[in-house]
C-alpha atoms as a PDB file:
ATOM      1  CA  MET A   1      28.923  14.820  40.530  1.00  0.00           C
ATOM      2  CA  GLY A   2      28.095  13.225  43.870  1.00  0.00           C
ATOM      3  CA  THR A   3      26.240   9.980  44.494  1.00  0.00           C
ATOM      4  CA  THR A   4      22.885  11.754  44.833  1.00  0.00           C
ATOM      5  CA  GLY A   5      23.477  13.697  41.627  1.00  0.00           C
ATOM      6  CA  ARG A   6      24.386  10.556  39.724  1.00  0.00           C
ATOM      7  CA  SER A   7      21.306   8.772  41.025  1.00  0.00           C
ATOM      8  CA  LEU A   8      19.056  11.638  39.977  1.00  0.00           C
ATOM      9  CA  PHE A   9      20.715  11.777  36.578  1.00  0.00           C
ATOM     10  CA  LEU A  10      20.356   8.023  36.040  1.00  0.00           C
ATOM     11  CA  GLY A  11      16.755   8.118  37.226  1.00  0.00           C
ATOM     12  CA  ALA A  12      15.904  10.952  34.853  1.00  0.00           C
ATOM     13  CA  ALA A  13      17.691   9.201  31.988  1.00  0.00           C
ATOM     14  CA  THR A  14      15.793   5.973  32.668  1.00  0.00           C
ATOM     15  CA  LEU A  15      12.473   7.808  32.641  1.00  0.00           C
ATOM     16  CA  LEU A  16      13.399   9.501  29.386  1.00  0.00           C
ATOM     17  CA  VAL A  17      14.346   6.207  27.763  1.00  0.00           C
ATOM     18  CA  CYS A  18      11.085   4.593  28.916  1.00  0.00           C
ATOM     19  CA  HIS A  19       9.117   7.591  27.666  1.00  0.00           C
ATOM     20  CA  ALA A  20      10.667   7.365  24.206  1.00  0.00           C
ATOM     21  CA  ALA A  21      10.968   3.562  23.937  1.00  0.00           C
ATOM     22  CA  PRO A  22       7.850   2.942  21.785  1.00  0.00           C
ATOM     23  CA  ALA A  23       9.243   5.304  19.147  1.00  0.00           C
ATOM     24  CA  VAL A  24      11.241   2.294  17.943  1.00  0.00           C
ATOM     25  CA  ALA A  25       7.955   0.903  16.581  1.00  0.00           C
ATOM     26  CA  VAL A  26       8.862   2.651  13.320  1.00  0.00           C
ATOM     27  CA  THR A  27      11.589  -0.008  12.875  1.00  0.00           C
ATOM     28  CA  ALA A  28      11.050  -3.699  12.216  1.00  0.00           C
ATOM     29  CA  PRO A  29      12.820  -4.835  15.433  1.00  0.00           C
ATOM     30  CA  GLY A  30      10.872  -2.247  17.427  1.00  0.00           C
ATOM     31  CA  ARG A  31       7.560  -3.611  16.207  1.00  0.00           C
ATOM     32  CA  ARG A  32       8.331  -6.876  17.973  1.00  0.00           C
ATOM     33  CA  LEU A  33       8.292  -4.990  21.285  1.00  0.00           C
ATOM     34  CA  PHE A  34       5.492  -2.566  20.401  1.00  0.00           C
ATOM     35  CA  PRO A  35       3.298  -4.224  17.752  1.00  0.00           C
ATOM     36  CA  VAL A  36       1.621  -1.874  15.323  1.00  0.00           C
ATOM     37  CA  LEU A  37      -0.331  -2.482  12.165  1.00  0.00           C
ATOM     38  CA  ASP A  38       1.880  -1.814   9.153  1.00  0.00           C
ATOM     39  CA  ARG A  39       0.700  -4.593   6.832  1.00  0.00           C
ATOM     40  CA  LEU A  40      -2.587  -6.400   6.352  1.00  0.00           C
ATOM     41  CA  PRO A  41      -3.707  -9.995   5.702  1.00  0.00           C
ATOM     42  CA  SER A  42      -5.029  -9.343   2.187  1.00  0.00           C
ATOM     43  CA  SER A  43      -4.296 -11.034  -1.114  1.00  0.00           C
ATOM     44  CA  SER A  44      -6.096  -8.564  -3.366  1.00  0.00           C
ATOM     45  CA  ALA A  45      -5.957  -5.068  -1.881  1.00  0.00           C
ATOM     46  CA  VAL A  46      -3.878  -2.369  -0.226  1.00  0.00           C
ATOM     47  CA  ALA A  47      -5.034  -0.026   2.529  1.00  0.00           C
ATOM     48  CA  LEU A  48      -5.112   3.598   1.432  1.00  0.00           C
ATOM     49  CA  THR A  49      -4.724   6.100   4.282  1.00  0.00           C
ATOM     50  CA  PHE A  50      -4.681   9.891   4.511  1.00  0.00           C
ATOM     51  CA  ASP A  51      -3.414  12.025   7.410  1.00  0.00           C
ATOM     52  CA  ASP A  52      -3.794  15.606   8.660  1.00  0.00           C
ATOM     53  CA  GLY A  53      -7.347  16.506   7.551  1.00  0.00           C
ATOM     54  CA  PRO A  54     -10.082  17.317   7.290  1.00  0.00           C
ATOM     55  CA  GLY A  55     -10.501  20.570   5.402  1.00  0.00           C
ATOM     56  CA  ALA A  56     -11.812  22.032   2.178  1.00  0.00           C
ATOM     57  CA  PRO A  57      -9.500  19.851   0.005  1.00  0.00           C
ATOM     58  CA  THR A  58     -11.011  16.697   1.534  1.00  0.00           C
ATOM     59  CA  GLU A  59     -14.056  17.000  -0.732  1.00  0.00           C
ATOM     60  CA  ALA A  60     -11.869  16.760  -3.847  1.00  0.00           C
ATOM     61  CA  PHE A  61     -10.333  13.547  -2.485  1.00  0.00           C
ATOM     62  CA  LEU A  62     -13.764  12.115  -1.716  1.00  0.00           C
ATOM     63  CA  ARG A  63     -14.881  12.858  -5.255  1.00  0.00           C
ATOM     64  CA  LEU A  64     -11.902  11.108  -6.789  1.00  0.00           C
ATOM     65  CA  LEU A  65     -12.233   8.093  -4.492  1.00  0.00           C
ATOM     66  CA  GLU A  66     -15.953   7.846  -5.284  1.00  0.00           C
ATOM     67  CA  GLN A  67     -15.268   7.858  -9.020  1.00  0.00           C
ATOM     68  CA  ALA A  68     -12.529   5.278  -8.583  1.00  0.00           C
ATOM     69  CA  GLY A  69     -14.644   2.935  -6.477  1.00  0.00           C
ATOM     70  CA  ALA A  70     -11.915   3.104  -3.850  1.00  0.00           C
ATOM     71  CA  THR A  71     -12.210   3.429  -0.084  1.00  0.00           C
ATOM     72  CA  ALA A  72      -9.709   4.814   2.408  1.00  0.00           C
ATOM     73  CA  THR A  73      -9.053   5.570   6.057  1.00  0.00           C
ATOM     74  CA  PHE A  74      -8.690   9.224   7.035  1.00  0.00           C
ATOM     75  CA  PHE A  75      -6.710   9.924  10.205  1.00  0.00           C
ATOM     76  CA  LEU A  76      -8.187  13.196  11.435  1.00  0.00           C
ATOM     77  CA  VAL A  77      -6.732  15.911  13.657  1.00  0.00           C
ATOM     78  CA  GLY A  78      -9.128  17.102  16.356  1.00  0.00           C
ATOM     79  CA  GLU A  79      -8.440  20.823  15.964  1.00  0.00           C
ATOM     80  CA  ARG A  80      -9.085  20.501  12.229  1.00  0.00           C
ATOM     81  CA  VAL A  81     -12.397  18.759  12.887  1.00  0.00           C
ATOM     82  CA  GLU A  82     -13.429  21.578  15.218  1.00  0.00           C
ATOM     83  CA  GLN A  83     -12.677  24.067  12.451  1.00  0.00           C
ATOM     84  CA  ALA A  84     -14.443  22.038   9.745  1.00  0.00           C
ATOM     85  CA  PRO A  85     -16.754  19.316  11.105  1.00  0.00           C
ATOM     86  CA  SER A  86     -18.749  18.858   7.867  1.00  0.00           C
ATOM     87  CA  PRO A  87     -15.946  17.186   5.856  1.00  0.00           C
ATOM     88  CA  ALA A  88     -15.398  14.734   8.715  1.00  0.00           C
ATOM     89  CA  LEU A  89     -19.030  13.649   8.533  1.00  0.00           C
ATOM     90  CA  GLU A  90     -18.881  13.453   4.740  1.00  0.00           C
ATOM     91  CA  ILE A  91     -15.962  11.046   4.995  1.00  0.00           C
ATOM     92  CA  VAL A  92     -18.045   8.437   6.819  1.00  0.00           C
ATOM     93  CA  GLN A  93     -21.140   9.164   4.709  1.00  0.00           C
ATOM     94  CA  CYS A  94     -19.033   8.292   1.666  1.00  0.00           C
ATOM     95  CA  GLY A  95     -18.215   4.892   3.175  1.00  0.00           C
ATOM     96  CA  HIS A  96     -14.678   5.569   4.402  1.00  0.00           C
ATOM     97  CA  ASP A  97     -13.065   4.974   7.796  1.00  0.00           C
ATOM     98  CA  VAL A  98     -12.040   7.655  10.258  1.00  0.00           C
ATOM     99  CA  GLY A  99      -9.067   7.233  12.567  1.00  0.00           C
ATOM    100  CA  VAL A 100      -7.605   9.491  15.253  1.00  0.00           C
ATOM    101  CA  HIS A 101      -4.427  11.493  14.570  1.00  0.00           C
ATOM    102  CA  GLY A 102      -4.430  13.457  17.826  1.00  0.00           C
ATOM    103  CA  TYR A 103      -6.061  16.746  18.757  1.00  0.00           C
ATOM    104  CA  ARG A 104      -3.030  18.834  17.836  1.00  0.00           C
ATOM    105  CA  HIS A 105      -0.392  17.753  15.339  1.00  0.00           C
ATOM    106  CA  ARG A 106       2.533  17.723  17.750  1.00  0.00           C
ATOM    107  CA  ASN A 107       5.419  15.315  18.260  1.00  0.00           C
ATOM    108  CA  HIS A 108       4.562  13.386  21.438  1.00  0.00           C
ATOM    109  CA  LEU A 109       8.237  13.053  22.336  1.00  0.00           C
ATOM    110  CA  ARG A 110       8.115  16.763  23.158  1.00  0.00           C
ATOM    111  CA  LEU A 111       5.053  16.520  25.401  1.00  0.00           C
ATOM    112  CA  PRO A 112       4.740  15.401  29.030  1.00  0.00           C
ATOM    113  CA  PRO A 113       2.513  12.385  29.671  1.00  0.00           C
ATOM    114  CA  TRP A 114      -0.476  14.338  31.022  1.00  0.00           C
ATOM    115  CA  GLN A 115      -0.605  16.521  27.906  1.00  0.00           C
ATOM    116  CA  ILE A 116      -0.553  13.443  25.677  1.00  0.00           C
ATOM    117  CA  VAL A 117      -3.452  11.857  27.552  1.00  0.00           C
ATOM    118  CA  ASP A 118      -5.454  15.074  27.405  1.00  0.00           C
ATOM    119  CA  ASP A 119      -4.690  15.467  23.685  1.00  0.00           C
ATOM    120  CA  LEU A 120      -5.857  11.962  22.764  1.00  0.00           C
ATOM    121  CA  ARG A 121      -9.006  12.056  24.870  1.00  0.00           C
ATOM    122  CA  ARG A 122      -9.919  15.485  23.553  1.00  0.00           C
ATOM    123  CA  ALA A 123      -9.324  14.287  19.987  1.00  0.00           C
ATOM    124  CA  ARG A 124     -11.581  11.303  20.473  1.00  0.00           C
ATOM    125  CA  ALA A 125     -14.400  13.399  21.910  1.00  0.00           C
ATOM    126  CA  VAL A 126     -14.262  15.973  19.112  1.00  0.00           C
ATOM    127  CA  ILE A 127     -13.954  13.485  16.261  1.00  0.00           C
ATOM    128  CA  GLU A 128     -16.596  11.042  17.466  1.00  0.00           C
ATOM    129  CA  ASP A 129     -19.011  13.891  18.147  1.00  0.00           C
ATOM    130  CA  ALA A 130     -18.562  15.074  14.543  1.00  0.00           C
ATOM    131  CA  ILE A 131     -18.940  11.678  12.847  1.00  0.00           C
ATOM    132  CA  GLY A 132     -21.491  10.154  15.216  1.00  0.00           C
ATOM    133  CA  ARG A 133     -19.733   6.818  15.662  1.00  0.00           C
ATOM    134  CA  PRO A 134     -16.811   5.269  17.584  1.00  0.00           C
ATOM    135  CA  THR A 135     -13.264   5.405  16.281  1.00  0.00           C
ATOM    136  CA  ARG A 136     -11.219   2.254  15.901  1.00  0.00           C
ATOM    137  CA  PHE A 137      -7.795   3.216  14.539  1.00  0.00           C
ATOM    138  CA  PHE A 138      -5.025   5.525  15.773  1.00  0.00           C
ATOM    139  CA  ARG A 139      -1.887   6.931  14.196  1.00  0.00           C
ATOM    140  CA  PRO A 140       0.254   9.411  16.158  1.00  0.00           C
ATOM    141  CA  PRO A 141       1.567  12.593  14.521  1.00  0.00           C
ATOM    142  CA  TYR A 142       4.795  11.855  12.646  1.00  0.00           C
ATOM    143  CA  GLY A 143       4.253   8.170  13.428  1.00  0.00           C
ATOM    144  CA  VAL A 144       6.003   8.640  16.795  1.00  0.00           C
ATOM    145  CA  PHE A 145       4.775   6.758  19.856  1.00  0.00           C
ATOM    146  CA  THR A 146       5.797   7.382  23.439  1.00  0.00           C
ATOM    147  CA  LEU A 147       5.057   5.040  26.309  1.00  0.00           C
ATOM    148  CA  THR A 148       2.106   7.226  27.299  1.00  0.00           C
ATOM    149  CA  THR A 149       0.867   7.372  23.702  1.00  0.00           C
ATOM    150  CA  TRP A 150       1.100   3.617  23.426  1.00  0.00           C
ATOM    151  CA  TRP A 151      -0.739   2.838  26.648  1.00  0.00           C
ATOM    152  CA  GLU A 152      -3.411   5.476  26.169  1.00  0.00           C
ATOM    153  CA  ALA A 153      -4.136   4.240  22.641  1.00  0.00           C
ATOM    154  CA  ARG A 154      -4.566   0.735  24.026  1.00  0.00           C
ATOM    155  CA  ARG A 155      -6.694   2.069  26.866  1.00  0.00           C
ATOM    156  CA  GLN A 156      -8.977   3.730  24.336  1.00  0.00           C
ATOM    157  CA  GLY A 157      -9.304   0.450  22.451  1.00  0.00           C
ATOM    158  CA  TRP A 158      -7.632   1.768  19.311  1.00  0.00           C
ATOM    159  CA  GLN A 159      -5.581  -0.282  16.868  1.00  0.00           C
ATOM    160  CA  PRO A 160      -2.185   1.469  16.458  1.00  0.00           C
ATOM    161  CA  VAL A 161      -1.461   1.930  12.748  1.00  0.00           C
ATOM    162  CA  LEU A 162       1.665   2.988  10.879  1.00  0.00           C
ATOM    163  CA  TRP A 163       2.474   2.251   7.209  1.00  0.00           C
ATOM    164  CA  ASN A 164       5.009   0.554   4.982  1.00  0.00           C
ATOM    165  CA  ARG A 165       4.794   2.790   1.896  1.00  0.00           C
ATOM    166  CA  TRP A 166       4.604   6.564   1.786  1.00  0.00           C
ATOM    167  CA  GLY A 167       4.667   9.214  -0.901  1.00  0.00           C
ATOM    168  CA  ARG A 168       6.505  11.880   1.128  1.00  0.00           C
ATOM    169  CA  ASP A 169       3.891  14.192  -0.332  1.00  0.00           C
ATOM    170  CA  TRP A 170       4.346  16.793   2.406  1.00  0.00           C
ATOM    171  CA  GLU A 171       7.751  17.880   1.107  1.00  0.00           C
ATOM    172  CA  PRO A 172       8.077  21.266  -0.632  1.00  0.00           C
ATOM    173  CA  HIS A 173       9.662  19.798  -3.765  1.00  0.00           C
ATOM    174  CA  ALA A 174       7.328  16.811  -4.126  1.00  0.00           C
ATOM    175  CA  THR A 175       5.598  16.365  -7.485  1.00  0.00           C
ATOM    176  CA  PRO A 176       2.774  14.026  -8.541  1.00  0.00           C
ATOM    177  CA  ALA A 177       5.372  11.869 -10.321  1.00  0.00           C
ATOM    178  CA  SER A 178       7.705  11.753  -7.313  1.00  0.00           C
ATOM    179  CA  ILE A 179       4.836  10.862  -4.973  1.00  0.00           C
ATOM    180  CA  ALA A 180       3.753   7.974  -7.198  1.00  0.00           C
ATOM    181  CA  ARG A 181       7.374   6.880  -7.626  1.00  0.00           C
ATOM    182  CA  ARG A 182       7.938   6.777  -3.862  1.00  0.00           C
ATOM    183  CA  ILE A 183       4.806   4.681  -3.410  1.00  0.00           C
ATOM    184  CA  GLY A 184       6.437   2.374  -5.915  1.00  0.00           C
ATOM    185  CA  GLU A 185       4.826  -0.929  -6.882  1.00  0.00           C
ATOM    186  CA  PRO A 186       2.543  -1.831  -3.957  1.00  0.00           C
ATOM    187  CA  GLU A 187       1.936  -5.393  -2.932  1.00  0.00           C
ATOM    188  CA  ALA A 188      -1.211  -6.881  -1.447  1.00  0.00           C
ATOM    189  CA  GLY A 189      -1.482  -5.999   2.224  1.00  0.00           C
ATOM    190  CA  ASP A 190       0.593  -2.813   2.046  1.00  0.00           C
ATOM    191  CA  ILE A 191      -0.540   0.302   3.940  1.00  0.00           C
ATOM    192  CA  LEU A 192      -0.045   3.482   1.899  1.00  0.00           C
ATOM    193  CA  LEU A 193       0.407   6.864   3.592  1.00  0.00           C
ATOM    194  CA  LEU A 194      -0.650  10.106   1.896  1.00  0.00           C
ATOM    195  CA  HIS A 195      -2.082  13.451   3.083  1.00  0.00           C
ATOM    196  CA  ASP A 196      -5.330  15.197   2.141  1.00  0.00           C
ATOM    197  CA  SER A 197      -4.353  18.464   3.819  1.00  0.00           C
ATOM    198  CA  ASP A 198      -1.445  20.898   3.795  1.00  0.00           C
ATOM    199  CA  ALA A 199      -2.231  22.204   7.291  1.00  0.00           C
ATOM    200  CA  TYR A 200       1.040  20.816   8.650  1.00  0.00           C
ATOM    201  CA  SER A 201       3.121  20.521   5.479  1.00  0.00           C
ATOM    202  CA  ALA A 202       4.234  22.488   2.422  1.00  0.00           C
ATOM    203  CA  PRO A 203       1.556  24.910   1.161  1.00  0.00           C
ATOM    204  CA  GLY A 204      -0.406  23.417  -1.718  1.00  0.00           C
ATOM    205  CA  SER A 205       0.997  19.927  -1.174  1.00  0.00           C
ATOM    206  CA  TRP A 206      -2.495  18.414  -1.184  1.00  0.00           C
ATOM    207  CA  GLU A 207      -2.934  19.398  -4.845  1.00  0.00           C
ATOM    208  CA  LYS A 208       0.127  17.361  -5.774  1.00  0.00           C
ATOM    209  CA  THR A 209      -1.199  14.403  -3.805  1.00  0.00           C
ATOM    210  CA  LEU A 210      -4.547  14.655  -5.564  1.00  0.00           C
ATOM    211  CA  ALA A 211      -2.798  14.715  -8.925  1.00  0.00           C
ATOM    212  CA  ALA A 212      -0.697  11.702  -7.921  1.00  0.00           C
ATOM    213  CA  LEU A 213      -3.670   9.526  -7.021  1.00  0.00           C
ATOM    214  CA  PRO A 214      -4.603   8.558 -10.604  1.00  0.00           C
ATOM    215  CA  LEU A 215      -0.985   7.510 -11.167  1.00  0.00           C
ATOM    216  CA  ILE A 216      -1.092   5.391  -8.007  1.00  0.00           C
ATOM    217  CA  PHE A 217      -4.421   3.883  -9.038  1.00  0.00           C
ATOM    218  CA  GLU A 218      -2.902   2.948 -12.396  1.00  0.00           C
ATOM    219  CA  GLN A 219      -0.112   1.126 -10.574  1.00  0.00           C
ATOM    220  CA  LEU A 220      -2.669  -0.722  -8.458  1.00  0.00           C
ATOM    221  CA  GLU A 221      -4.768  -1.591 -11.503  1.00  0.00           C
ATOM    222  CA  ALA A 222      -1.732  -2.996 -13.275  1.00  0.00           C
ATOM    223  CA  ARG A 223      -1.106  -5.266 -10.291  1.00  0.00           C
ATOM    224  CA  LYS A 224      -4.784  -6.243  -9.998  1.00  0.00           C
ATOM    225  CA  LEU A 225      -5.054  -4.612  -6.566  1.00  0.00           C
ATOM    226  CA  ALA A 226      -7.900  -2.589  -5.080  1.00  0.00           C
ATOM    227  CA  ALA A 227      -7.607   0.382  -2.708  1.00  0.00           C
ATOM    228  CA  ARG A 228      -9.573  -0.247   0.477  1.00  0.00           C
ATOM    229  CA  SER A 229     -10.060   1.138   3.972  1.00  0.00           C
ATOM    230  CA  LEU A 230      -8.557  -0.508   7.022  1.00  0.00           C
ATOM    231  CA  GLY A 231     -12.011  -1.425   8.288  1.00  0.00           C
ATOM    232  CA  GLU A 232     -12.810  -3.352   5.107  1.00  0.00           C
ATOM    233  CA  LEU A 233      -9.576  -5.311   5.293  1.00  0.00           C
ATOM    234  CA  LEU A 234      -9.857  -5.873   9.058  1.00  0.00           C
ATOM    235  CA  PRO A 235     -13.591  -6.459   9.466  1.00  0.00           C
ATOM    236  CA  ASP A 236     -15.421  -8.093  12.334  1.00  0.00           C
ATOM    237  CA  ALA A 237     -15.562 -11.869  12.117  1.00  0.00           C
ATOM    238  CA  THR A 238     -19.214 -11.736  11.031  1.00  0.00           C
ATOM    239  CA  ARG A 239     -18.228  -9.729   7.964  1.00  0.00           C
ATOM    240  CA  ARG A 240     -15.336 -11.928   6.849  1.00  0.00           C
ATOM    241  CA  GLY A 241     -15.516 -13.862   3.621  1.00  0.00           C
ATOM    242  CA  ARG A 242     -13.417 -16.807   2.549  1.00  0.00           C
ATOM    243  CA  GLY A 243      -9.815 -16.544   3.608  1.00  0.00           C
ATOM    244  CA  GLY A 244     -10.666 -13.935   6.231  1.00  0.00           C
ATOM    245  CA  GLU A 245     -10.991 -11.004   3.807  1.00  0.00           C
ATOM    246  CA  ALA A 246     -13.815  -8.523   3.606  1.00  0.00           C
ATOM    247  CA  THR A 247     -16.737  -9.662   1.502  1.00  0.00           C
ATOM    248  CA  SER A 248     -17.592  -6.209   0.152  1.00  0.00           C
ATOM    249  CA  HIS A 249     -15.928  -5.315  -3.174  1.00  0.00           C
ATOM    250  CA  ALA A 250     -14.259  -8.755  -3.240  1.00  0.00           C
ATOM    251  CA  GLY A 251     -12.698  -9.481  -6.592  1.00  0.00           C
ATOM    252  CA  GLN A 252     -13.893  -6.220  -8.138  1.00  0.00           C
ATOM    253  CA  ARG A 253     -11.635  -4.141 -10.327  1.00  0.00           C
ATOM    254  CA  HIS A 254     -12.123  -0.543 -11.318  1.00  0.00           C
ATOM    255  CA  ALA A 255     -11.088   1.623 -14.243  1.00  0.00           C
ATOM    256  CA  TYR A 256      -9.566   4.464 -12.272  1.00  0.00           C
ATOM    257  CA  PRO A 257     -10.525   7.930 -13.544  1.00  0.00           C
ATOM    258  CA  ALA A 258      -8.512  10.895 -14.710  1.00  0.00           C
ATOM    259  CA  LEU A 259      -7.960  13.709 -12.222  1.00  0.00           C
ATOM    260  CA  PRO A 260     -11.155  15.702 -11.580  1.00  0.00           C
ATOM    261  CA  GLU A 261     -11.264  19.447 -11.016  1.00  0.00           C
ATOM    262  CA  ALA A 262      -9.491  19.833  -7.674  1.00  0.00           C
ATOM    263  CA  ARG A 263     -11.035  23.027  -6.421  1.00  0.00           C
ATOM    264  CA  ARG A 264     -14.161  22.830  -4.323  1.00  0.00           C
ATOM    265  CA  GLN A 265     -17.337  23.831  -6.136  1.00  0.00           C
ATOM    266  CA  PRO A 266     -20.148  25.801  -4.522  1.00  0.00           C
ATOM    267  CA  ALA A 267     -22.432  23.815  -2.243  1.00  0.00           C
ATOM    268  CA  SER A 268     -25.386  24.561  -4.543  1.00  0.00           C
ATOM    269  CA  THR A 269     -23.865  22.271  -7.199  1.00  0.00           C
ATOM    270  CA  LYS A 270     -23.870  19.247  -4.885  1.00  0.00           C
ATOM    271  CA  GLU A 271     -26.626  16.708  -4.571  1.00  0.00           C
ATOM    272  CA  ARG A 272     -27.002  14.314  -1.663  1.00  0.00           C
ATOM    273  CA  ARG A 273     -28.979  11.105  -1.582  1.00  0.00           C
ATOM    274  CA  GLY A 274     -29.882  10.317   2.003  1.00  0.00           C
ATOM    275  CA  ASP A 275     -26.681   9.479   3.888  1.00  0.00           C
ATOM    276  CA  SER A 276     -24.728   8.584   0.754  1.00  0.00           C
ATOM    277  CA  CYS A 277     -21.640  10.326  -0.529  1.00  0.00           C
ATOM    278  CA  ALA A 278     -21.823  13.883  -1.813  1.00  0.00           C
ATOM    279  CA  TYR A 279     -21.762  14.268  -5.607  1.00  0.00           C
ATOM    280  CA  TRP A 280     -20.326  17.266  -7.391  1.00  0.00           C
END
């Protein structure tokens, strides 16, 4: 290889390394270079998050969360919102947060920068049009950032979010017990990752996640912890209570319910009160 060839090779390698550098944010040392939210300043709650929706199963999750008195953050995929905009709106009407999970669920390491920018901007437009409000949080597919992903998320004003506990509920051999076991014994400030859709994972995996939720809620109840959305645990300064935590639901505990019927019931069985959550 001549001098010109070596220079081109080194230049291409440098660009590739720069492109992939923020992927190290999944590791503790990497988060020093590319800070992401993976824990929260809370003494009484964990943040419950769901990826890959929305879809028909989302309603079953909303029902269970409503009965449990829990709130969560749903990281939505733009193409899923286009296919089913109603569940996205129901999420915010039920008092939960919506975050951006991209327009298509693709690993950004495999995309050129211009496709990443287009994907994120398209996702924001579709999701915010469906829910009628701005988005605040962002989590990339597979939790993988590239340099373009990182800068575009910052440009959009989003808070990059990962997690520190996950149920690995997308795996084909996952069970409700294994999902709860992998979540383990959460501590205050943890961010839990689950999925309310099987669009990008093992078929039927959402049913196992739904069945695991009561087990997870039992673990939280035993540790005197509540399940809350990111927005409640990271509120604006005007909404902070003592110690910087959200004032809503402060100190409340809930008797978490048994698993409800998972399948979606006909729309005629639902009742809606203004902009409140749907009831089944």
